[in-house]
């Protein structure tokens, strides 16, 4: 008689499938990756795959959860040893951390770009609740640490700041990710001013936002 899998064994199997899908996504496009391809690469049946991840969107949302978790863990590691910061010190810290994640072709950036337009539109309520809870759990300690170290911004301002950062990243990665036909048109017509430097543009926009937020909070 076949034994039922333990919860830890199930978690390991789910993580293994997720790791396989992540590796495929590193070198492929979301729209080109089929669930049957993931099952084949993970050496599991389609039924097993759908047992753990009922839709492709849920699987990729789980992947994004892990990316957020890793990103915010690194954020905290950088933040934890820091003491009180002036505005200029805080700005240098915040932009420096942001620069470290701005790789246009990274899994984190690419998943962030499709989070609202594709993934969140096709997930169930349970996954949506999990997403919101996971995001809060990751951001809350960061906001708490920041309010202890940066006196001129409050909790609401920091939460808005993280939201603005996400919007800037997603906006510029989508603008910069033009199809090949557009890149050829720009090159052919010598329209280089239309070409976007993703990292530089996102950091510049973030700096403008930080400066404006600081001035508004301090009545300047």
Protein backbone atom coordinates (compact mmCIF):
# COMPACT_ATOMS: atom_id res chain seq x y z
CA UNK A 1 0.00 0.00 0.00
CA UNK A 2 1.39 3.38 -1.04
CA UNK A 3 2.04 5.75 1.83
CA UNK A 4 0.62 9.26 1.80
CA UNK A 5 3.23 11.98 1.40
CA UNK A 6 4.12 13.98 4.48
CA UNK A 7 3.60 17.75 4.49
CA UNK A 8 7.36 18.31 4.35
CA UNK A 9 7.65 15.98 1.35
CA UNK A 10 4.85 17.86 -0.39
CA UNK A 11 6.60 21.17 0.31
CA UNK A 12 9.84 19.80 -1.14
CA UNK A 13 8.03 18.60 -4.26
CA UNK A 14 6.29 21.98 -4.72
CA UNK A 15 9.64 23.78 -4.28
CA UNK A 16 11.33 21.46 -6.76
CA UNK A 17 8.68 22.21 -9.39
CA UNK A 18 9.02 25.92 -8.68
CA UNK A 19 12.81 25.78 -9.05
CA UNK A 20 12.47 24.03 -12.41
CA UNK A 21 9.96 26.61 -13.64
CA UNK A 22 12.21 29.44 -12.47
CA UNK A 23 15.17 28.03 -14.39
CA UNK A 24 13.03 27.78 -17.51
CA UNK A 25 11.88 31.38 -17.06
CA UNK A 26 15.45 32.61 -16.76
CA UNK A 27 16.03 31.64 -20.36
CA UNK A 28 12.52 31.77 -21.82
CA UNK A 29 9.45 33.95 -22.10
CA UNK A 30 6.36 33.59 -19.93
CA UNK A 31 4.05 33.20 -22.90
CA UNK A 32 6.23 30.45 -24.41
CA UNK A 33 6.39 28.27 -21.29
CA UNK A 34 3.59 25.71 -21.11
CA UNK A 35 2.57 23.84 -17.98
CA UNK A 36 3.18 20.57 -19.82
CA UNK A 37 6.76 21.73 -20.51
CA UNK A 38 7.29 22.43 -16.81
CA UNK A 39 5.89 19.00 -15.88
CA UNK A 40 8.20 17.31 -18.37
CA UNK A 41 11.27 19.23 -17.16
CA UNK A 42 10.40 18.50 -13.51
CA UNK A 43 9.81 14.81 -14.35
CA UNK A 44 6.30 14.81 -12.91
CA UNK A 45 2.94 14.06 -14.50
CA UNK A 46 0.63 16.86 -15.61
CA UNK A 47 -1.78 15.75 -12.89
CA UNK A 48 0.91 16.11 -10.22
CA UNK A 49 1.83 19.57 -11.48
CA UNK A 50 -1.77 20.75 -11.40
CA UNK A 51 -2.20 19.29 -7.92
CA UNK A 52 0.46 21.66 -6.62
CA UNK A 53 -0.23 24.61 -8.95
CA UNK A 54 -3.70 24.67 -10.44
CA UNK A 55 -2.82 27.41 -12.96
CA UNK A 56 0.28 28.79 -14.58
CA UNK A 57 -0.45 32.20 -13.05
CA UNK A 58 -0.51 30.77 -9.52
CA UNK A 59 2.80 29.01 -10.12
CA UNK A 60 4.45 32.21 -11.31
CA UNK A 61 2.93 34.22 -8.46
CA UNK A 62 4.53 31.74 -6.05
CA UNK A 63 7.79 32.33 -7.88
CA UNK A 64 7.38 36.06 -7.40
CA UNK A 65 6.69 35.55 -3.66
CA UNK A 66 10.12 33.96 -3.34
CA UNK A 67 11.75 36.76 -5.33
CA UNK A 68 10.18 39.38 -3.05
CA UNK A 69 11.22 37.42 0.01
CA UNK A 70 14.84 37.29 -1.16
CA UNK A 71 14.86 40.94 -2.21
CA UNK A 72 13.46 42.22 1.10
CA UNK A 73 15.74 39.93 3.12
CA UNK A 74 18.74 41.50 1.38
CA UNK A 75 17.22 44.96 1.95
CA UNK A 76 17.02 44.27 5.69
CA UNK A 77 20.59 42.96 5.77
CA UNK A 78 21.81 46.26 4.33
CA UNK A 79 19.52 48.35 6.54
CA UNK A 80 19.99 46.62 9.90
CA UNK A 81 23.53 47.88 10.71
CA UNK A 82 22.71 51.48 9.77
CA UNK A 83 22.00 54.15 12.38
CA UNK A 84 20.08 57.43 12.11
CA UNK A 85 20.26 58.88 8.61
CA UNK A 86 20.05 62.37 7.23
CA UNK A 87 17.99 62.83 4.08
CA UNK A 88 21.06 62.66 1.82
CA UNK A 89 22.27 59.51 3.58
CA UNK A 90 18.86 57.92 3.27
CA UNK A 91 18.59 58.83 -0.41
CA UNK A 92 22.02 57.32 -1.12
CA UNK A 93 21.05 54.15 0.75
CA UNK A 94 17.66 53.79 -0.95
CA UNK A 95 18.94 54.46 -4.47
CA UNK A 96 21.94 52.19 -3.90
CA UNK A 97 19.73 49.27 -2.86
CA UNK A 98 17.44 49.93 -5.82
CA UNK A 99 20.34 50.03 -8.27
CA UNK A 100 21.35 46.56 -7.08
CA UNK A 101 18.06 45.00 -8.23
CA UNK A 102 17.68 46.83 -11.55
CA UNK A 103 18.73 44.13 -13.97
CA UNK A 104 16.21 44.30 -16.78
CA UNK A 105 16.40 40.59 -17.63
CA UNK A 106 16.36 39.30 -14.04
CA UNK A 107 13.56 37.00 -12.91
CA UNK A 108 12.46 39.51 -10.27
CA UNK A 109 12.15 42.45 -12.66
CA UNK A 110 10.44 40.43 -15.39
CA UNK A 111 7.93 38.92 -12.97
CA UNK A 112 7.25 42.35 -11.47
CA UNK A 113 6.48 43.64 -14.97
CA UNK A 114 3.69 41.07 -15.50
CA UNK A 115 2.38 40.94 -11.93
CA UNK A 116 -0.54 43.36 -12.37
CA UNK A 117 -1.31 42.84 -16.04
CA UNK A 118 -1.15 39.03 -16.21
CA UNK A 119 -0.60 37.21 -12.93
CA UNK A 120 -3.00 39.01 -10.60
CA UNK A 121 -5.80 38.95 -13.16
CA UNK A 122 -5.78 35.16 -13.28
CA UNK A 123 -5.34 33.95 -9.70
CA UNK A 124 -7.86 32.70 -7.17
CA UNK A 125 -8.87 34.45 -3.96
CA UNK A 126 -6.67 32.22 -1.80
CA UNK A 127 -3.55 33.15 -3.77
CA UNK A 128 -4.54 36.83 -3.78
CA UNK A 129 -4.89 36.82 0.01
CA UNK A 130 -1.57 35.01 0.32
CA UNK A 131 0.07 37.59 -1.95
CA UNK A 132 -1.22 40.52 0.12
CA UNK A 133 -0.23 38.87 3.41
CA UNK A 134 3.24 37.96 2.12
CA UNK A 135 3.84 41.49 0.87
CA UNK A 136 2.78 43.03 4.18
CA UNK A 137 4.92 40.60 6.16
CA UNK A 138 7.97 41.48 4.02
CA UNK A 139 7.48 45.26 3.98
CA UNK A 140 6.35 45.81 7.60
CA UNK A 141 9.73 45.20 9.30
CA UNK A 142 11.47 47.34 6.69
CA UNK A 143 9.07 50.23 7.29
CA UNK A 144 9.47 49.82 11.05
CA UNK A 145 13.28 49.92 10.81
CA UNK A 146 13.17 52.92 8.48
CA UNK A 147 10.89 54.97 10.74
CA UNK A 148 13.38 54.39 13.56
CA UNK A 149 16.26 55.65 11.44
CA UNK A 150 14.71 58.36 9.26
CA UNK A 151 12.87 60.97 11.32
CA UNK A 152 11.47 63.10 8.50
CA UNK A 153 9.21 60.42 6.93
CA UNK A 154 6.34 58.55 8.59
CA UNK A 155 4.94 55.02 8.08
CA UNK A 156 2.41 56.06 5.43
CA UNK A 157 5.11 57.90 3.49
CA UNK A 158 7.37 54.85 3.46
CA UNK A 159 4.57 52.56 2.28
CA UNK A 160 3.76 55.03 -0.49
CA UNK A 161 7.45 55.20 -1.30
CA UNK A 162 7.69 51.43 -1.78
CA UNK A 163 4.58 51.54 -3.99
CA UNK A 164 6.04 54.36 -6.06
CA UNK A 165 9.28 52.47 -6.48
CA UNK A 166 7.41 49.43 -7.79
CA UNK A 167 5.42 51.61 -10.21
CA UNK A 168 8.60 53.26 -11.50
CA UNK A 169 10.36 49.93 -12.02
CA UNK A 170 7.39 48.34 -13.79
CA UNK A 171 6.75 51.42 -15.91
CA UNK A 172 10.29 51.74 -17.18
CA UNK A 173 10.90 48.04 -17.73
CA UNK A 174 7.77 47.91 -19.89
CA UNK A 175 8.86 50.97 -21.86
CA UNK A 176 12.39 49.59 -22.27
CA UNK A 177 11.18 46.11 -23.30
CA UNK A 178 10.23 47.02 -26.84
CA UNK A 179 9.79 44.30 -29.45
CA UNK A 180 12.67 43.76 -31.89
CA UNK A 181 10.76 45.48 -34.71
CA UNK A 182 10.71 48.72 -32.68
CA UNK A 183 14.44 48.54 -31.93
CA UNK A 184 15.12 48.06 -35.64
CA UNK A 185 12.87 51.01 -36.51
CA UNK A 186 14.64 53.26 -34.00
CA UNK A 187 18.06 52.24 -35.28
CA UNK A 188 17.01 52.53 -38.92
CA UNK A 189 15.53 56.01 -38.52
CA UNK A 190 18.28 57.22 -36.16
CA UNK A 191 15.73 57.89 -33.40
CA UNK A 192 18.04 57.08 -30.51
CA UNK A 193 16.30 59.59 -28.22
CA UNK A 194 13.38 57.13 -28.08
CA UNK A 195 15.59 54.36 -26.72
CA UNK A 196 15.25 53.95 -22.94
CA UNK A 197 18.10 53.16 -20.57
CA UNK A 198 16.06 51.18 -18.04
CA UNK A 199 18.37 51.42 -15.03
CA UNK A 200 19.34 55.07 -15.44
CA UNK A 201 15.78 56.20 -16.17
CA UNK A 202 14.29 54.32 -13.21
CA UNK A 203 16.92 55.66 -10.80
CA UNK A 204 16.47 59.23 -12.06
CA UNK A 205 12.68 59.04 -11.67
CA UNK A 206 13.09 57.57 -8.18
CA UNK A 207 15.46 60.37 -7.18
CA UNK A 208 12.96 62.99 -8.37
CA UNK A 209 10.22 61.27 -6.36
CA UNK A 210 12.39 61.13 -3.22
CA UNK A 211 13.28 64.80 -3.48
CA UNK A 212 9.64 65.77 -3.98
CA UNK A 213 8.50 63.58 -1.08
CA UNK A 214 11.13 65.08 1.22
CA UNK A 215 10.15 68.63 0.30
CA UNK A 216 6.44 67.92 0.79
CA UNK A 217 7.05 66.34 4.19
CA UNK A 218 9.14 69.26 5.33
CA UNK A 219 7.03 72.07 3.93
CA UNK A 220 9.66 73.14 1.43
